[in-house]
Amino acid sequence: MVKDPVCGMDVDEATAEHKAEHKGKTYYFCAPACKADFEKDPEKYVKGGEMHHHSKSGCC
């Protein structure tokens, strides 16, 4: 299990449907909304930025 860098939810990388590459590393997401937020500004999330919960965006 890995953490979704956007919301912090545990994601099984073996079965994750939503993933993105950034600087040679693969990130896994619980929902398309978290992936979209990450892709808009990946540095915000890879540098240890605070996690945000998206109750209206289809996440968690």
PDB file of N, CA and C in Angstrom:
ATOM      1  N   MET A   1       0.836  -1.187   0.000  1.00  0.00           N
ATOM      2  CA  MET A   1       0.000   0.000   0.000  1.00  0.00           C
ATOM      3  C   MET A   1       0.884   1.255   0.000  1.00  0.00           C
ATOM      4  N   VAL A   2       0.417   2.246  -0.705  1.00  0.00           N
ATOM      5  CA  VAL A   2       1.075   3.550  -0.733  1.00  0.00           C
ATOM      6  C   VAL A   2       0.017   4.615  -0.426  1.00  0.00           C
ATOM      7  N   LYS A   3       0.472   5.817  -0.107  1.00  0.00           N
ATOM      8  CA  LYS A   3      -0.449   6.923   0.182  1.00  0.00           C
ATOM      9  C   LYS A   3      -0.692   7.749  -1.068  1.00  0.00           C
ATOM     10  N   ASP A   4      -1.946   8.073  -1.307  1.00  0.00           N
ATOM     11  CA  ASP A   4      -2.300   9.042  -2.331  1.00  0.00           C
ATOM     12  C   ASP A   4      -1.671  10.363  -1.879  1.00  0.00           C
ATOM     13  N   PRO A   5      -0.811  10.981  -2.707  1.00  0.00           N
ATOM     14  CA  PRO A   5      -0.122  12.202  -2.271  1.00  0.00           C
ATOM     15  C   PRO A   5      -1.045  13.408  -2.120  1.00  0.00           C
ATOM     16  N   VAL A   6      -2.240  13.325  -2.663  1.00  0.00           N
ATOM     17  CA  VAL A   6      -3.166  14.452  -2.589  1.00  0.00           C
ATOM     18  C   VAL A   6      -4.010  14.389  -1.315  1.00  0.00           C
ATOM     19  N   CYS A   7      -4.611  13.230  -1.031  1.00  0.00           N
ATOM     20  CA  CYS A   7      -5.538  13.150   0.099  1.00  0.00           C
ATOM     21  C   CYS A   7      -5.052  12.276   1.247  1.00  0.00           C
ATOM     22  N   GLY A   8      -4.001  11.477   0.996  1.00  0.00           N
ATOM     23  CA  GLY A   8      -3.465  10.635   2.055  1.00  0.00           C
ATOM     24  C   GLY A   8      -4.113   9.278   2.203  1.00  0.00           C
ATOM     25  N   MET A   9      -5.069   8.959   1.361  1.00  0.00           N
ATOM     26  CA  MET A   9      -5.742   7.668   1.437  1.00  0.00           C
ATOM     27  C   MET A   9      -4.776   6.554   1.026  1.00  0.00           C
ATOM     28  N   ASP A  10      -4.887   5.390   1.664  1.00  0.00           N
ATOM     29  CA  ASP A  10      -4.083   4.232   1.273  1.00  0.00           C
ATOM     30  C   ASP A  10      -4.571   3.695  -0.061  1.00  0.00           C
ATOM     31  N   VAL A  11      -3.628   3.412  -0.957  1.00  0.00           N
ATOM     32  CA  VAL A  11      -3.938   2.912  -2.296  1.00  0.00           C
ATOM     33  C   VAL A  11      -3.063   1.688  -2.553  1.00  0.00           C
ATOM     34  N   ASP A  12      -3.649   0.643  -3.087  1.00  0.00           N
ATOM     35  CA  ASP A  12      -2.900  -0.560  -3.455  1.00  0.00           C
ATOM     36  C   ASP A  12      -2.304  -0.336  -4.843  1.00  0.00           C
ATOM     37  N   GLU A  13      -0.993  -0.173  -4.898  1.00  0.00           N
ATOM     38  CA  GLU A  13      -0.362   0.129  -6.196  1.00  0.00           C
ATOM     39  C   GLU A  13      -0.522  -0.992  -7.211  1.00  0.00           C
ATOM     40  N   ALA A  14      -0.775  -2.211  -6.759  1.00  0.00           N
ATOM     41  CA  ALA A  14      -0.950  -3.345  -7.673  1.00  0.00           C
ATOM     42  C   ALA A  14      -2.278  -3.273  -8.422  1.00  0.00           C
ATOM     43  N   THR A  15      -3.271  -2.615  -7.836  1.00  0.00           N
ATOM     44  CA  THR A  15      -4.594  -2.572  -8.468  1.00  0.00           C
ATOM     45  C   THR A  15      -5.078  -1.153  -8.751  1.00  0.00           C
ATOM     46  N   ALA A  16      -4.265  -0.153  -8.468  1.00  0.00           N
ATOM     47  CA  ALA A  16      -4.683   1.242  -8.646  1.00  0.00           C
ATOM     48  C   ALA A  16      -5.002   1.536 -10.109  1.00  0.00           C
ATOM     49  N   GLU A  17      -6.142   2.155 -10.326  1.00  0.00           N
ATOM     50  CA  GLU A  17      -6.551   2.525 -11.684  1.00  0.00           C
ATOM     51  C   GLU A  17      -5.985   3.884 -12.095  1.00  0.00           C
ATOM     52  N   HIS A  18      -5.658   4.715 -11.113  1.00  0.00           N
ATOM     53  CA  HIS A  18      -5.233   6.083 -11.393  1.00  0.00           C
ATOM     54  C   HIS A  18      -3.797   6.278 -10.930  1.00  0.00           C
ATOM     55  N   LYS A  19      -2.935   6.595 -11.891  1.00  0.00           N
ATOM     56  CA  LYS A  19      -1.533   6.822 -11.562  1.00  0.00           C
ATOM     57  C   LYS A  19      -0.925   7.835 -12.511  1.00  0.00           C
ATOM     58  N   ALA A  20       0.163   8.440 -12.062  1.00  0.00           N
ATOM     59  CA  ALA A  20       0.858   9.442 -12.871  1.00  0.00           C
ATOM     60  C   ALA A  20       2.343   9.362 -12.562  1.00  0.00           C
ATOM     61  N   GLU A  21       3.146   9.717 -13.552  1.00  0.00           N
ATOM     62  CA  GLU A  21       4.600   9.747 -13.395  1.00  0.00           C
ATOM     63  C   GLU A  21       5.033  11.195 -13.220  1.00  0.00           C
ATOM     64  N   HIS A  22       6.010  11.384 -12.340  1.00  0.00           N
ATOM     65  CA  HIS A  22       6.589  12.710 -12.159  1.00  0.00           C
ATOM     66  C   HIS A  22       8.047  12.532 -11.766  1.00  0.00           C
ATOM     67  N   LYS A  23       8.943  13.087 -12.583  1.00  0.00           N
ATOM     68  CA  LYS A  23      10.391  13.008 -12.342  1.00  0.00           C
ATOM     69  C   LYS A  23      10.845  11.569 -12.090  1.00  0.00           C
ATOM     70  N   GLY A  24      10.342  10.647 -12.901  1.00  0.00           N
ATOM     71  CA  GLY A  24      10.784   9.263 -12.828  1.00  0.00           C
ATOM     72  C   GLY A  24      10.141   8.425 -11.741  1.00  0.00           C
ATOM     73  N   LYS A  25       9.227   8.984 -10.991  1.00  0.00           N
ATOM     74  CA  LYS A  25       8.555   8.240  -9.929  1.00  0.00           C
ATOM     75  C   LYS A  25       7.072   8.116 -10.253  1.00  0.00           C
ATOM     76  N   THR A  26       6.491   6.967  -9.921  1.00  0.00           N
ATOM     77  CA  THR A  26       5.068   6.753 -10.145  1.00  0.00           C
ATOM     78  C   THR A  26       4.307   7.059  -8.863  1.00  0.00           C
ATOM     79  N   TYR A  27       3.234   7.822  -9.002  1.00  0.00           N
ATOM     80  CA  TYR A  27       2.343   8.161  -7.894  1.00  0.00           C
ATOM     81  C   TYR A  27       0.982   7.544  -8.163  1.00  0.00           C
ATOM     82  N   TYR A  28       0.328   7.089  -7.111  1.00  0.00           N
ATOM     83  CA  TYR A  28      -0.946   6.382  -7.222  1.00  0.00           C
ATOM     84  C   TYR A  28      -2.034   7.167  -6.506  1.00  0.00           C
ATOM     85  N   PHE A  29      -3.249   7.103  -7.064  1.00  0.00           N
ATOM     86  CA  PHE A  29      -4.346   7.922  -6.567  1.00  0.00           C
ATOM     87  C   PHE A  29      -5.610   7.084  -6.360  1.00  0.00           C
ATOM     88  N   CYS A  30      -6.423   7.537  -5.397  1.00  0.00           N
ATOM     89  CA  CYS A  30      -7.654   6.823  -5.074  1.00  0.00           C
ATOM     90  C   CYS A  30      -8.773   7.125  -6.063  1.00  0.00           C
ATOM     91  N   ALA A  31      -8.696   8.267  -6.737  1.00  0.00           N
ATOM     92  CA  ALA A  31      -9.775   8.701  -7.633  1.00  0.00           C
ATOM     93  C   ALA A  31      -9.220   9.627  -8.710  1.00  0.00           C
ATOM     94  N   PRO A  32      -9.961   9.764  -9.807  1.00  0.00           N
ATOM     95  CA  PRO A  32      -9.491  10.645 -10.884  1.00  0.00           C
ATOM     96  C   PRO A  32      -9.332  12.095 -10.441  1.00  0.00           C
ATOM     97  N   ALA A  33     -10.133  12.547  -9.491  1.00  0.00           N
ATOM     98  CA  ALA A  33     -10.032  13.935  -9.030  1.00  0.00           C
ATOM     99  C   ALA A  33      -8.690  14.195  -8.356  1.00  0.00           C
ATOM    100  N   CYS A  34      -8.206  13.242  -7.575  1.00  0.00           N
ATOM    101  CA  CYS A  34      -6.899  13.413  -6.930  1.00  0.00           C
ATOM    102  C   CYS A  34      -5.791  13.409  -7.973  1.00  0.00           C
ATOM    103  N   LYS A  35      -5.893  12.547  -8.958  1.00  0.00           N
ATOM    104  CA  LYS A  35      -4.891  12.517 -10.024  1.00  0.00           C
ATOM    105  C   LYS A  35      -4.873  13.852 -10.771  1.00  0.00           C
ATOM    106  N   ALA A  36      -6.045  14.390 -11.072  1.00  0.00           N
ATOM    107  CA  ALA A  36      -6.138  15.660 -11.792  1.00  0.00           C
ATOM    108  C   ALA A  36      -5.527  16.792 -10.976  1.00  0.00           C
ATOM    109  N   ASP A  37      -5.796  16.832  -9.668  1.00  0.00           N
ATOM    110  CA  ASP A  37      -5.214  17.863  -8.817  1.00  0.00           C
ATOM    111  C   ASP A  37      -3.691  17.751  -8.803  1.00  0.00           C
ATOM    112  N   PHE A  38      -3.185  16.529  -8.708  1.00  0.00           N
ATOM    113  CA  PHE A  38      -1.744  16.298  -8.712  1.00  0.00           C
ATOM    114  C   PHE A  38      -1.130  16.785 -10.020  1.00  0.00           C
ATOM    115  N   GLU A  39      -1.755  16.448 -11.138  1.00  0.00           N
ATOM    116  CA  GLU A  39      -1.201  16.806 -12.446  1.00  0.00           C
ATOM    117  C   GLU A  39      -1.200  18.318 -12.687  1.00  0.00           C
ATOM    118  N   LYS A  40      -2.090  19.055 -12.036  1.00  0.00           N
ATOM    119  CA  LYS A  40      -2.112  20.514 -12.180  1.00  0.00           C
ATOM    120  C   LYS A  40      -0.874  21.150 -11.534  1.00  0.00           C
ATOM    121  N   ASP A  41      -0.420  20.565 -10.406  1.00  0.00           N
ATOM    122  CA  ASP A  41       0.707  21.146  -9.670  1.00  0.00           C
ATOM    123  C   ASP A  41       1.405  20.051  -8.861  1.00  0.00           C
ATOM    124  N   PRO A  42       2.133  19.151  -9.521  1.00  0.00           N
ATOM    125  CA  PRO A  42       2.743  18.032  -8.806  1.00  0.00           C
ATOM    126  C   PRO A  42       3.711  18.448  -7.708  1.00  0.00           C
ATOM    127  N   GLU A  43       4.451  19.524  -7.897  1.00  0.00           N
ATOM    128  CA  GLU A  43       5.422  19.947  -6.897  1.00  0.00           C
ATOM    129  C   GLU A  43       4.758  20.284  -5.564  1.00  0.00           C
ATOM    130  N   LYS A  44       3.532  20.725  -5.626  1.00  0.00           N
ATOM    131  CA  LYS A  44       2.783  21.043  -4.409  1.00  0.00           C
ATOM    132  C   LYS A  44       2.646  19.811  -3.516  1.00  0.00           C
ATOM    133  N   TYR A  45       2.559  18.632  -4.139  1.00  0.00           N
ATOM    134  CA  TYR A  45       2.319  17.398  -3.397  1.00  0.00           C
ATOM    135  C   TYR A  45       3.582  16.582  -3.146  1.00  0.00           C
ATOM    136  N   VAL A  46       4.566  16.648  -4.006  1.00  0.00           N
ATOM    137  CA  VAL A  46       5.767  15.828  -3.816  1.00  0.00           C
ATOM    138  C   VAL A  46       6.741  16.448  -2.827  1.00  0.00           C
ATOM    139  N   LYS A  47       6.603  17.702  -2.536  1.00  0.00           N
ATOM    140  CA  LYS A  47       7.494  18.364  -1.588  1.00  0.00           C
ATOM    141  C   LYS A  47       6.937  18.335  -0.177  1.00  0.00           C
ATOM    142  N   GLY A  48       6.033  17.409   0.098  1.00  0.00           N
ATOM    143  CA  GLY A  48       5.507  17.274   1.454  1.00  0.00           C
ATOM    144  C   GLY A  48       4.459  18.305   1.801  1.00  0.00           C
ATOM    145  N   GLY A  49       3.796  18.845   0.775  1.00  0.00           N
ATOM    146  CA  GLY A  49       2.734  19.811   1.043  1.00  0.00           C
ATOM    147  C   GLY A  49       1.601  19.159   1.815  1.00  0.00           C
ATOM    148  N   GLU A  50       0.757  19.987   2.386  1.00  0.00           N
ATOM    149  CA  GLU A  50      -0.321  19.419   3.174  1.00  0.00           C
ATOM    150  C   GLU A  50      -1.317  18.707   2.279  1.00  0.00           C
ATOM    151  N   MET A  51      -1.940  17.676   2.811  1.00  0.00           N
ATOM    152  CA  MET A  51      -2.902  16.899   2.056  1.00  0.00           C
ATOM    153  C   MET A  51      -4.267  17.559   2.168  1.00  0.00           C
ATOM    154  N   HIS A  52      -5.026  17.481   1.094  1.00  0.00           N
ATOM    155  CA  HIS A  52      -6.346  18.096   1.048  1.00  0.00           C
ATOM    156  C   HIS A  52      -7.394  17.029   0.795  1.00  0.00           C
ATOM    157  N   HIS A  53      -8.505  17.142   1.466  1.00  0.00           N
ATOM    158  CA  HIS A  53      -9.611  16.212   1.228  1.00  0.00           C
ATOM    159  C   HIS A  53     -10.613  16.881   0.317  1.00  0.00           C
ATOM    160  N   HIS A  54     -11.073  16.129  -0.664  1.00  0.00           N
ATOM    161  CA  HIS A  54     -11.934  16.673  -1.706  1.00  0.00           C
ATOM    162  C   HIS A  54     -13.308  16.000  -1.654  1.00  0.00           C
ATOM    163  N   SER A  55     -14.102  16.348  -0.705  1.00  0.00           N
ATOM    164  CA  SER A  55     -15.381  15.683  -0.535  1.00  0.00           C
ATOM    165  C   SER A  55     -16.312  15.901  -1.716  1.00  0.00           C
ATOM    166  N   LYS A  56     -16.151  16.997  -2.459  1.00  0.00           N
ATOM    167  CA  LYS A  56     -17.038  17.265  -3.584  1.00  0.00           C
ATOM    168  C   LYS A  56     -16.462  16.806  -4.916  1.00  0.00           C
ATOM    169  N   SER A  57     -15.228  16.360  -4.944  1.00  0.00           N
ATOM    170  CA  SER A  57     -14.595  16.046  -6.225  1.00  0.00           C
ATOM    171  C   SER A  57     -14.571  14.562  -6.567  1.00  0.00           C
ATOM    172  N   GLY A  58     -15.253  13.748  -5.811  1.00  0.00           N
ATOM    173  CA  GLY A  58     -15.289  12.323  -6.108  1.00  0.00           C
ATOM    174  C   GLY A  58     -14.206  11.531  -5.440  1.00  0.00           C
ATOM    175  N   CYS A  59     -13.525  12.114  -4.504  1.00  0.00           N
ATOM    176  CA  CYS A  59     -12.446  11.442  -3.788  1.00  0.00           C
ATOM    177  C   CYS A  59     -12.920  11.044  -2.394  1.00  0.00           C
ATOM    178  N   CYS A  60     -12.405   9.935  -1.930  1.00  0.00           N
ATOM    179  CA  CYS A  60     -12.579   9.482  -0.547  1.00  0.00           C
ATOM    180  C   CYS A  60     -14.007   9.590  -0.077  1.00  0.00           C
TER     181      CYS A  60
END
